[in-house]
Amino acid sequence: KKFNELKKLKSKSLPHAIIDLHTQSSTIEGLKALNIFFKDNYRKYQYLKIIHGKGLHNNKEISPMRNLVRKFLLNNPLVLAFTPAQNNDGGDGVTYVLIKK
């Protein structure tokens, strides 16, 4: 049930935190910001929206930030699940996250 809610995060207007990594100067800086955010905020929210971009400005049109964010999430014991956002909320340039409570 929670995963289905996660997939519809925008349309259900669930309380969630947003972190925008799209504006970070590098993927390393983005991962540092994400790590700090998790340390400081994981108990405050059950849902998280991570904006990392689709990689459209990358010369290979892939998003290194998206790949690193998703690897970070796979290896984070605080994360129960994650999924790409709905198309009207950024699609593959945004990831919704369900955090353990």
PDB file of N, CA and C in Angstrom:
ATOM      1  N   LYS A   1       0.829  -1.200   0.000  1.00  0.00           N
ATOM      2  CA  LYS A   1       0.000   0.000   0.000  1.00  0.00           C
ATOM      3  C   LYS A   1       0.872   1.263   0.000  1.00  0.00           C
ATOM      4  N   LYS A   2       1.903   1.272   0.840  1.00  0.00           N
ATOM      5  CA  LYS A   2       2.798   2.440   0.922  1.00  0.00           C
ATOM      6  C   LYS A   2       3.515   2.672  -0.403  1.00  0.00           C
ATOM      7  N   PHE A   3       3.924   1.581  -1.074  1.00  0.00           N
ATOM      8  CA  PHE A   3       4.619   1.730  -2.349  1.00  0.00           C
ATOM      9  C   PHE A   3       3.687   2.323  -3.397  1.00  0.00           C
ATOM     10  N   ASN A   4       2.440   1.912  -3.412  1.00  0.00           N
ATOM     11  CA  ASN A   4       1.470   2.490  -4.351  1.00  0.00           C
ATOM     12  C   ASN A   4       1.245   3.964  -4.060  1.00  0.00           C
ATOM     13  N   GLU A   5       1.233   4.344  -2.779  1.00  0.00           N
ATOM     14  CA  GLU A   5       1.136   5.761  -2.419  1.00  0.00           C
ATOM     15  C   GLU A   5       2.364   6.511  -2.915  1.00  0.00           C
ATOM     16  N   LEU A   6       3.526   5.887  -2.758  1.00  0.00           N
ATOM     17  CA  LEU A   6       4.775   6.502  -3.197  1.00  0.00           C
ATOM     18  C   LEU A   6       4.748   6.806  -4.691  1.00  0.00           C
ATOM     19  N   LYS A   7       4.248   5.884  -5.479  1.00  0.00           N
ATOM     20  CA  LYS A   7       4.207   6.076  -6.934  1.00  0.00           C
ATOM     21  C   LYS A   7       3.302   7.245  -7.326  1.00  0.00           C
ATOM     22  N   LYS A   8       2.375   7.607  -6.457  1.00  0.00           N
ATOM     23  CA  LYS A   8       1.438   8.696  -6.745  1.00  0.00           C
ATOM     24  C   LYS A   8       1.670   9.873  -5.800  1.00  0.00           C
ATOM     25  N   LEU A   9       2.910  10.074  -5.399  1.00  0.00           N
ATOM     26  CA  LEU A   9       3.261  11.098  -4.418  1.00  0.00           C
ATOM     27  C   LEU A   9       2.692  12.467  -4.758  1.00  0.00           C
ATOM     28  N   LYS A  10       2.823  12.885  -6.009  1.00  0.00           N
ATOM     29  CA  LYS A  10       2.357  14.219  -6.391  1.00  0.00           C
ATOM     30  C   LYS A  10       0.838  14.305  -6.372  1.00  0.00           C
ATOM     31  N   SER A  11       0.183  13.343  -6.967  1.00  0.00           N
ATOM     32  CA  SER A  11      -1.273  13.421  -7.075  1.00  0.00           C
ATOM     33  C   SER A  11      -1.960  13.221  -5.726  1.00  0.00           C
ATOM     34  N   LYS A  12      -1.323  12.515  -4.798  1.00  0.00           N
ATOM     35  CA  LYS A  12      -1.917  12.303  -3.483  1.00  0.00           C
ATOM     36  C   LYS A  12      -1.570  13.433  -2.510  1.00  0.00           C
ATOM     37  N   SER A  13      -0.663  14.321  -2.874  1.00  0.00           N
ATOM     38  CA  SER A  13      -0.251  15.444  -2.022  1.00  0.00           C
ATOM     39  C   SER A  13       0.177  14.981  -0.629  1.00  0.00           C
ATOM     40  N   LEU A  14       0.968  13.929  -0.572  1.00  0.00           N
ATOM     41  CA  LEU A  14       1.468  13.433   0.697  1.00  0.00           C
ATOM     42  C   LEU A  14       2.550  14.370   1.226  1.00  0.00           C
ATOM     43  N   PRO A  15       2.634  14.538   2.539  1.00  0.00           N
ATOM     44  CA  PRO A  15       3.705  15.388   3.085  1.00  0.00           C
ATOM     45  C   PRO A  15       5.065  14.763   2.769  1.00  0.00           C
ATOM     46  N   HIS A  16       5.928  15.533   2.165  1.00  0.00           N
ATOM     47  CA  HIS A  16       7.230  15.020   1.767  1.00  0.00           C
ATOM     48  C   HIS A  16       8.262  16.145   1.743  1.00  0.00           C
ATOM     49  N   ALA A  17       9.510  15.752   1.806  1.00  0.00           N
ATOM     50  CA  ALA A  17      10.616  16.686   1.683  1.00  0.00           C
ATOM     51  C   ALA A  17      11.104  16.654   0.239  1.00  0.00           C
ATOM     52  N   ILE A  18      11.682  17.754  -0.186  1.00  0.00           N
ATOM     53  CA  ILE A  18      12.234  17.852  -1.541  1.00  0.00           C
ATOM     54  C   ILE A  18      13.698  18.260  -1.433  1.00  0.00           C
ATOM     55  N   ILE A  19      14.549  17.549  -2.145  1.00  0.00           N
ATOM     56  CA  ILE A  19      15.951  17.954  -2.248  1.00  0.00           C
ATOM     57  C   ILE A  19      16.287  18.057  -3.731  1.00  0.00           C
ATOM     58  N   ASP A  20      16.821  19.211  -4.111  1.00  0.00           N
ATOM     59  CA  ASP A  20      17.143  19.476  -5.514  1.00  0.00           C
ATOM     60  C   ASP A  20      18.650  19.358  -5.717  1.00  0.00           C
ATOM     61  N   LEU A  21      19.077  18.270  -6.318  1.00  0.00           N
ATOM     62  CA  LEU A  21      20.495  18.036  -6.595  1.00  0.00           C
ATOM     63  C   LEU A  21      20.867  18.514  -7.994  1.00  0.00           C
ATOM     64  N   HIS A  22      19.859  18.880  -8.749  1.00  0.00           N
ATOM     65  CA  HIS A  22      20.041  19.309 -10.132  1.00  0.00           C
ATOM     66  C   HIS A  22      20.930  20.548 -10.222  1.00  0.00           C
ATOM     67  N   THR A  23      20.963  21.341  -9.161  1.00  0.00           N
ATOM     68  CA  THR A  23      21.723  22.593  -9.169  1.00  0.00           C
ATOM     69  C   THR A  23      23.136  22.443  -8.597  1.00  0.00           C
ATOM     70  N   GLN A  24      23.491  21.247  -8.145  1.00  0.00           N
ATOM     71  CA  GLN A  24      24.823  21.044  -7.558  1.00  0.00           C
ATOM     72  C   GLN A  24      25.901  21.143  -8.629  1.00  0.00           C
ATOM     73  N   SER A  25      27.079  21.572  -8.214  1.00  0.00           N
ATOM     74  CA  SER A  25      28.176  21.795  -9.162  1.00  0.00           C
ATOM     75  C   SER A  25      28.771  20.492  -9.712  1.00  0.00           C
ATOM     76  N   SER A  26      28.627  19.402  -8.972  1.00  0.00           N
ATOM     77  CA  SER A  26      29.162  18.116  -9.432  1.00  0.00           C
ATOM     78  C   SER A  26      28.364  16.981  -8.795  1.00  0.00           C
ATOM     79  N   THR A  27      28.577  15.781  -9.317  1.00  0.00           N
ATOM     80  CA  THR A  27      27.884  14.626  -8.744  1.00  0.00           C
ATOM     81  C   THR A  27      28.366  14.359  -7.320  1.00  0.00           C
ATOM     82  N   ILE A  28      29.639  14.613  -7.062  1.00  0.00           N
ATOM     83  CA  ILE A  28      30.182  14.424  -5.707  1.00  0.00           C
ATOM     84  C   ILE A  28      29.505  15.375  -4.731  1.00  0.00           C
ATOM     85  N   GLU A  29      29.360  16.632  -5.122  1.00  0.00           N
ATOM     86  CA  GLU A  29      28.677  17.614  -4.272  1.00  0.00           C
ATOM     87  C   GLU A  29      27.216  17.215  -4.061  1.00  0.00           C
ATOM     88  N   GLY A  30      26.592  16.687  -5.088  1.00  0.00           N
ATOM     89  CA  GLY A  30      25.210  16.231  -4.981  1.00  0.00           C
ATOM     90  C   GLY A  30      25.062  15.085  -3.992  1.00  0.00           C
ATOM     91  N   LEU A  31      25.985  14.123  -4.052  1.00  0.00           N
ATOM     92  CA  LEU A  31      25.931  13.003  -3.116  1.00  0.00           C
ATOM     93  C   LEU A  31      26.218  13.448  -1.689  1.00  0.00           C
ATOM     94  N   LYS A  32      27.115  14.404  -1.525  1.00  0.00           N
ATOM     95  CA  LYS A  32      27.373  14.949  -0.191  1.00  0.00           C
ATOM     96  C   LYS A  32      26.117  15.606   0.366  1.00  0.00           C
ATOM     97  N   ALA A  33      25.446  16.398  -0.467  1.00  0.00           N
ATOM     98  CA  ALA A  33      24.218  17.070  -0.041  1.00  0.00           C
ATOM     99  C   ALA A  33      23.141  16.049   0.319  1.00  0.00           C
ATOM    100  N   LEU A  34      23.023  14.987  -0.467  1.00  0.00           N
ATOM    101  CA  LEU A  34      22.030  13.951  -0.198  1.00  0.00           C
ATOM    102  C   LEU A  34      22.344  13.227   1.109  1.00  0.00           C
ATOM    103  N   ASN A  35      23.599  12.917   1.328  1.00  0.00           N
ATOM    104  CA  ASN A  35      24.014  12.238   2.548  1.00  0.00           C
ATOM    105  C   ASN A  35      23.728  13.104   3.775  1.00  0.00           C
ATOM    106  N   ILE A  36      24.055  14.378   3.701  1.00  0.00           N
ATOM    107  CA  ILE A  36      23.782  15.304   4.806  1.00  0.00           C
ATOM    108  C   ILE A  36      22.286  15.408   5.053  1.00  0.00           C
ATOM    109  N   PHE A  37      21.531  15.507   3.969  1.00  0.00           N
ATOM    110  CA  PHE A  37      20.076  15.603   4.098  1.00  0.00           C
ATOM    111  C   PHE A  37      19.521  14.375   4.824  1.00  0.00           C
ATOM    112  N   PHE A  38      19.979  13.181   4.456  1.00  0.00           N
ATOM    113  CA  PHE A  38      19.499  11.962   5.095  1.00  0.00           C
ATOM    114  C   PHE A  38      19.858  11.951   6.574  1.00  0.00           C
ATOM    115  N   LYS A  39      21.075  12.328   6.906  1.00  0.00           N
ATOM    116  CA  LYS A  39      21.496  12.332   8.309  1.00  0.00           C
ATOM    117  C   LYS A  39      20.636  13.279   9.144  1.00  0.00           C
ATOM    118  N   ASP A  40      20.308  14.427   8.584  1.00  0.00           N
ATOM    119  CA  ASP A  40      19.597  15.458   9.340  1.00  0.00           C
ATOM    120  C   ASP A  40      18.076  15.329   9.317  1.00  0.00           C
ATOM    121  N   ASN A  41      17.501  14.674   8.316  1.00  0.00           N
ATOM    122  CA  ASN A  41      16.055  14.737   8.113  1.00  0.00           C
ATOM    123  C   ASN A  41      15.316  13.417   7.991  1.00  0.00           C
ATOM    124  N   TYR A  42      15.997  12.295   8.037  1.00  0.00           N
ATOM    125  CA  TYR A  42      15.293  11.049   7.719  1.00  0.00           C
ATOM    126  C   TYR A  42      14.165  10.728   8.702  1.00  0.00           C
ATOM    127  N   ARG A  43      14.236  11.214   9.917  1.00  0.00           N
ATOM    128  CA  ARG A  43      13.170  10.932  10.888  1.00  0.00           C
ATOM    129  C   ARG A  43      11.975  11.870  10.724  1.00  0.00           C
ATOM    130  N   LYS A  44      12.150  12.957  10.008  1.00  0.00           N
ATOM    131  CA  LYS A  44      11.096  13.959   9.878  1.00  0.00           C
ATOM    132  C   LYS A  44      10.064  13.613   8.808  1.00  0.00           C
ATOM    133  N   TYR A  45      10.468  12.857   7.811  1.00  0.00           N
ATOM    134  CA  TYR A  45       9.595  12.578   6.667  1.00  0.00           C
ATOM    135  C   TYR A  45       9.602  11.102   6.330  1.00  0.00           C
ATOM    136  N   GLN A  46       8.476  10.633   5.831  1.00  0.00           N
ATOM    137  CA  GLN A  46       8.432   9.251   5.337  1.00  0.00           C
ATOM    138  C   GLN A  46       8.613   9.224   3.824  1.00  0.00           C
ATOM    139  N   TYR A  47       8.311  10.347   3.165  1.00  0.00           N
ATOM    140  CA  TYR A  47       8.428  10.440   1.711  1.00  0.00           C
ATOM    141  C   TYR A  47       9.420  11.534   1.346  1.00  0.00           C
ATOM    142  N   LEU A  48      10.192  11.281   0.320  1.00  0.00           N
ATOM    143  CA  LEU A  48      11.208  12.219  -0.151  1.00  0.00           C
ATOM    144  C   LEU A  48      11.138  12.298  -1.668  1.00  0.00           C
ATOM    145  N   LYS A  49      11.316  13.491  -2.169  1.00  0.00           N
ATOM    146  CA  LYS A  49      11.366  13.713  -3.618  1.00  0.00           C
ATOM    147  C   LYS A  49      12.760  14.258  -3.930  1.00  0.00           C
ATOM    148  N   ILE A  50      13.519  13.517  -4.730  1.00  0.00           N
ATOM    149  CA  ILE A  50      14.876  13.924  -5.102  1.00  0.00           C
ATOM    150  C   ILE A  50      14.868  14.354  -6.570  1.00  0.00           C
ATOM    151  N   ILE A  51      15.242  15.600  -6.814  1.00  0.00           N
ATOM    152  CA  ILE A  51      15.353  16.113  -8.179  1.00  0.00           C
ATOM    153  C   ILE A  51      16.815  16.005  -8.584  1.00  0.00           C
ATOM    154  N   HIS A  52      17.093  15.187  -9.583  1.00  0.00           N
ATOM    155  CA  HIS A  52      18.477  14.976 -10.013  1.00  0.00           C
ATOM    156  C   HIS A  52      18.684  15.245 -11.497  1.00  0.00           C
ATOM    157  N   GLY A  53      17.640  15.446 -12.241  1.00  0.00           N
ATOM    158  CA  GLY A  53      17.759  15.730 -13.670  1.00  0.00           C
ATOM    159  C   GLY A  53      17.775  14.462 -14.511  1.00  0.00           C
ATOM    160  N   LYS A  54      17.515  14.652 -15.786  1.00  0.00           N
ATOM    161  CA  LYS A  54      17.444  13.536 -16.735  1.00  0.00           C
ATOM    162  C   LYS A  54      18.740  13.339 -17.511  1.00  0.00           C
ATOM    163  N   GLY A  55      19.660  14.271 -17.419  1.00  0.00           N
ATOM    164  CA  GLY A  55      20.900  14.167 -18.160  1.00  0.00           C
ATOM    165  C   GLY A  55      20.820  14.776 -19.542  1.00  0.00           C
ATOM    166  N   LEU A  56      19.825  15.609 -19.786  1.00  0.00           N
ATOM    167  CA  LEU A  56      19.651  16.198 -21.117  1.00  0.00           C
ATOM    168  C   LEU A  56      20.788  17.142 -21.504  1.00  0.00           C
ATOM    169  N   HIS A  57      21.488  17.695 -20.511  1.00  0.00           N
ATOM    170  CA  HIS A  57      22.592  18.611 -20.806  1.00  0.00           C
ATOM    171  C   HIS A  57      23.946  17.899 -20.826  1.00  0.00           C
ATOM    172  N   ASN A  58      23.918  16.603 -20.574  1.00  0.00           N
ATOM    173  CA  ASN A  58      25.131  15.800 -20.633  1.00  0.00           C
ATOM    174  C   ASN A  58      25.385  15.433 -22.086  1.00  0.00           C
ATOM    175  N   ASN A  59      26.650  15.361 -22.492  1.00  0.00           N
ATOM    176  CA  ASN A  59      26.948  15.071 -23.899  1.00  0.00           C
ATOM    177  C   ASN A  59      26.498  13.680 -24.340  1.00  0.00           C
ATOM    178  N   LYS A  60      26.331  12.751 -23.398  1.00  0.00           N
ATOM    179  CA  LYS A  60      25.827  11.421 -23.744  1.00  0.00           C
ATOM    180  C   LYS A  60      24.333  11.288 -23.441  1.00  0.00           C
ATOM    181  N   GLU A  61      23.724  12.353 -22.967  1.00  0.00           N
ATOM    182  CA  GLU A  61      22.310  12.403 -22.589  1.00  0.00           C
ATOM    183  C   GLU A  61      21.928  11.310 -21.591  1.00  0.00           C
ATOM    184  N   ILE A  62      22.833  11.052 -20.648  1.00  0.00           N
ATOM    185  CA  ILE A  62      22.527  10.194 -19.507  1.00  0.00           C
ATOM    186  C   ILE A  62      22.782  11.021 -18.257  1.00  0.00           C
ATOM    187  N   SER A  63      22.161  10.652 -17.174  1.00  0.00           N
ATOM    188  CA  SER A  63      22.308  11.408 -15.939  1.00  0.00           C
ATOM    189  C   SER A  63      23.199  10.662 -14.955  1.00  0.00           C
ATOM    190  N   PRO A  64      24.457  11.084 -14.834  1.00  0.00           N
ATOM    191  CA  PRO A  64      25.319  10.446 -13.841  1.00  0.00           C
ATOM    192  C   PRO A  64      24.777  10.653 -12.426  1.00  0.00           C
ATOM    193  N   MET A  65      24.160  11.821 -12.191  1.00  0.00           N
ATOM    194  CA  MET A  65      23.603  12.100 -10.867  1.00  0.00           C
ATOM    195  C   MET A  65      22.481  11.112 -10.552  1.00  0.00           C
ATOM    196  N   ARG A  66      21.591  10.858 -11.513  1.00  0.00           N
ATOM    197  CA  ARG A  66      20.487   9.907 -11.294  1.00  0.00           C
ATOM    198  C   ARG A  66      21.043   8.535 -10.944  1.00  0.00           C
ATOM    199  N   ASN A  67      22.025   8.075 -11.689  1.00  0.00           N
ATOM    200  CA  ASN A  67      22.600   6.754 -11.439  1.00  0.00           C
ATOM    201  C   ASN A  67      23.235   6.667 -10.055  1.00  0.00           C
ATOM    202  N   LEU A  68      23.970   7.695  -9.661  1.00  0.00           N
ATOM    203  CA  LEU A  68      24.605   7.687  -8.344  1.00  0.00           C
ATOM    204  C   LEU A  68      23.579   7.787  -7.218  1.00  0.00           C
ATOM    205  N   VAL A  69      22.553   8.600  -7.422  1.00  0.00           N
ATOM    206  CA  VAL A  69      21.497   8.725  -6.414  1.00  0.00           C
ATOM    207  C   VAL A  69      20.821   7.382  -6.206  1.00  0.00           C
ATOM    208  N   ARG A  70      20.493   6.697  -7.274  1.00  0.00           N
ATOM    209  CA  ARG A  70      19.795   5.420  -7.150  1.00  0.00           C
ATOM    210  C   ARG A  70      20.686   4.331  -6.543  1.00  0.00           C
ATOM    211  N   LYS A  71      21.989   4.370  -6.813  1.00  0.00           N
ATOM    212  CA  LYS A  71      22.904   3.441  -6.145  1.00  0.00           C
ATOM    213  C   LYS A  71      22.974   3.748  -4.653  1.00  0.00           C
ATOM    214  N   PHE A  72      23.021   5.046  -4.323  1.00  0.00           N
ATOM    215  CA  PHE A  72      23.017   5.469  -2.922  1.00  0.00           C
ATOM    216  C   PHE A  72      21.768   4.934  -2.221  1.00  0.00           C
ATOM    217  N   LEU A  73      20.615   5.067  -2.868  1.00  0.00           N
ATOM    218  CA  LEU A  73      19.355   4.626  -2.278  1.00  0.00           C
ATOM    219  C   LEU A  73      19.308   3.105  -2.104  1.00  0.00           C
ATOM    220  N   LEU A  74      19.836   2.371  -3.101  1.00  0.00           N
ATOM    221  CA  LEU A  74      19.874   0.903  -3.008  1.00  0.00           C
ATOM    222  C   LEU A  74      20.684   0.429  -1.809  1.00  0.00           C
ATOM    223  N   ASN A  75      21.731   1.163  -1.480  1.00  0.00           N
ATOM    224  CA  ASN A  75      22.638   0.761  -0.412  1.00  0.00           C
ATOM    225  C   ASN A  75      22.337   1.420   0.926  1.00  0.00           C
ATOM    226  N   ASN A  76      21.251   2.180   1.005  1.00  0.00           N
ATOM    227  CA  ASN A  76      20.922   2.888   2.234  1.00  0.00           C
ATOM    228  C   ASN A  76      19.892   2.074   3.026  1.00  0.00           C
ATOM    229  N   PRO A  77      20.236   1.662   4.239  1.00  0.00           N
ATOM    230  CA  PRO A  77      19.301   0.842   5.027  1.00  0.00           C
ATOM    231  C   PRO A  77      18.051   1.597   5.475  1.00  0.00           C
ATOM    232  N   LEU A  78      18.032   2.910   5.366  1.00  0.00           N
ATOM    233  CA  LEU A  78      16.867   3.697   5.753  1.00  0.00           C
ATOM    234  C   LEU A  78      15.801   3.741   4.663  1.00  0.00           C
ATOM    235  N   VAL A  79      16.161   3.305   3.460  1.00  0.00           N
ATOM    236  CA  VAL A  79      15.250   3.388   2.311  1.00  0.00           C
ATOM    237  C   VAL A  79      14.511   2.066   2.143  1.00  0.00           C
ATOM    238  N   LEU A  80      13.175   2.150   2.154  1.00  0.00           N
ATOM    239  CA  LEU A  80      12.359   0.963   1.910  1.00  0.00           C
ATOM    240  C   LEU A  80      12.140   0.734   0.424  1.00  0.00           C
ATOM    241  N   ALA A  81      11.904   1.825  -0.323  1.00  0.00           N
ATOM    242  CA  ALA A  81      11.634   1.702  -1.758  1.00  0.00           C
ATOM    243  C   ALA A  81      11.854   3.054  -2.422  1.00  0.00           C
ATOM    244  N   PHE A  82      12.051   3.013  -3.755  1.00  0.00           N
ATOM    245  CA  PHE A  82      12.099   4.244  -4.549  1.00  0.00           C
ATOM    246  C   PHE A  82      11.619   3.931  -5.947  1.00  0.00           C
ATOM    247  N   THR A  83      11.171   4.988  -6.631  1.00  0.00           N
ATOM    248  CA  THR A  83      10.625   4.827  -7.974  1.00  0.00           C
ATOM    249  C   THR A  83      10.768   6.140  -8.732  1.00  0.00           C
ATOM    250  N   PRO A  84      10.873   6.089 -10.064  1.00  0.00           N
ATOM    251  CA  PRO A  84      10.860   7.341 -10.831  1.00  0.00           C
ATOM    252  C   PRO A  84       9.538   8.075 -10.612  1.00  0.00           C
ATOM    253  N   ALA A  85       9.583   9.383 -10.720  1.00  0.00           N
ATOM    254  CA  ALA A  85       8.389  10.205 -10.524  1.00  0.00           C
ATOM    255  C   ALA A  85       7.395  10.023 -11.655  1.00  0.00           C
ATOM    256  N   GLN A  86       6.185  10.508 -11.423  1.00  0.00           N
ATOM    257  CA  GLN A  86       5.175  10.526 -12.468  1.00  0.00           C
ATOM    258  C   GLN A  86       5.655  11.465 -13.579  1.00  0.00           C
ATOM    259  N   ASN A  87       5.229  11.221 -14.793  1.00  0.00           N
ATOM    260  CA  ASN A  87       5.661  12.043 -15.931  1.00  0.00           C
ATOM    261  C   ASN A  87       5.344  13.516 -15.739  1.00  0.00           C
ATOM    262  N   ASN A  88       4.214  13.834 -15.117  1.00  0.00           N
ATOM    263  CA  ASN A  88       3.853  15.241 -14.921  1.00  0.00           C
ATOM    264  C   ASN A  88       4.579  15.877 -13.739  1.00  0.00           C
ATOM    265  N   ASP A  89       5.495  15.129 -13.107  1.00  0.00           N
ATOM    266  CA  ASP A  89       6.271  15.654 -11.984  1.00  0.00           C
ATOM    267  C   ASP A  89       7.770  15.481 -12.199  1.00  0.00           C
ATOM    268  N   GLY A  90       8.185  15.330 -13.436  1.00  0.00           N
ATOM    269  CA  GLY A  90       9.613  15.226 -13.726  1.00  0.00           C
ATOM    270  C   GLY A  90      10.047  13.901 -14.314  1.00  0.00           C
ATOM    271  N   GLY A  91       9.178  12.911 -14.263  1.00  0.00           N
ATOM    272  CA  GLY A  91       9.508  11.620 -14.853  1.00  0.00           C
ATOM    273  C   GLY A  91      10.810  11.052 -14.330  1.00  0.00           C
ATOM    274  N   ASP A  92      11.688  10.632 -15.233  1.00  0.00           N
ATOM    275  CA  ASP A  92      12.942   9.985 -14.856  1.00  0.00           C
ATOM    276  C   ASP A  92      13.991  10.966 -14.327  1.00  0.00           C
ATOM    277  N   GLY A  93      13.675  12.242 -14.283  1.00  0.00           N
ATOM    278  CA  GLY A  93      14.586  13.238 -13.709  1.00  0.00           C
ATOM    279  C   GLY A  93      14.354  13.462 -12.231  1.00  0.00           C
ATOM    280  N   VAL A  94      13.384  12.737 -11.673  1.00  0.00           N
ATOM    281  CA  VAL A  94      13.016  12.859 -10.260  1.00  0.00           C
ATOM    282  C   VAL A  94      12.798  11.455  -9.711  1.00  0.00           C
ATOM    283  N   THR A  95      13.207  11.239  -8.464  1.00  0.00           N
ATOM    284  CA  THR A  95      12.982   9.950  -7.817  1.00  0.00           C
ATOM    285  C   THR A  95      12.203  10.170  -6.533  1.00  0.00           C
ATOM    286  N   TYR A  96      11.133   9.384  -6.355  1.00  0.00           N
ATOM    287  CA  TYR A  96      10.375   9.370  -5.110  1.00  0.00           C
ATOM    288  C   TYR A  96      10.959   8.291  -4.214  1.00  0.00           C
ATOM    289  N   VAL A  97      11.058   8.586  -2.907  1.00  0.00           N
ATOM    290  CA  VAL A  97      11.679   7.658  -1.957  1.00  0.00           C
ATOM    291  C   VAL A  97      10.748   7.425  -0.776  1.00  0.00           C
ATOM    292  N   LEU A  98      10.638   6.177  -0.338  1.00  0.00           N
ATOM    293  CA  LEU A  98       9.915   5.807   0.866  1.00  0.00           C
ATOM    294  C   LEU A  98      10.957   5.476   1.935  1.00  0.00           C
ATOM    295  N   ILE A  99      10.902   6.198   3.042  1.00  0.00           N
ATOM    296  CA  ILE A  99      11.888   6.071   4.107  1.00  0.00           C
ATOM    297  C   ILE A  99      11.286   5.299   5.278  1.00  0.00           C
ATOM    298  N   LYS A 100      12.086   4.460   5.906  1.00  0.00           N
ATOM    299  CA  LYS A 100      11.617   3.712   7.079  1.00  0.00           C
ATOM    300  C   LYS A 100      11.213   4.676   8.180  1.00  0.00           C
ATOM    301  N   LYS A 101      10.177   4.316   8.877  1.00  0.00           N
ATOM    302  CA  LYS A 101       9.732   5.103  10.039  1.00  0.00           C
ATOM    303  C   LYS A 101      10.069   4.375  11.299  1.00  0.00           C
TER     304      LYS A 101
END
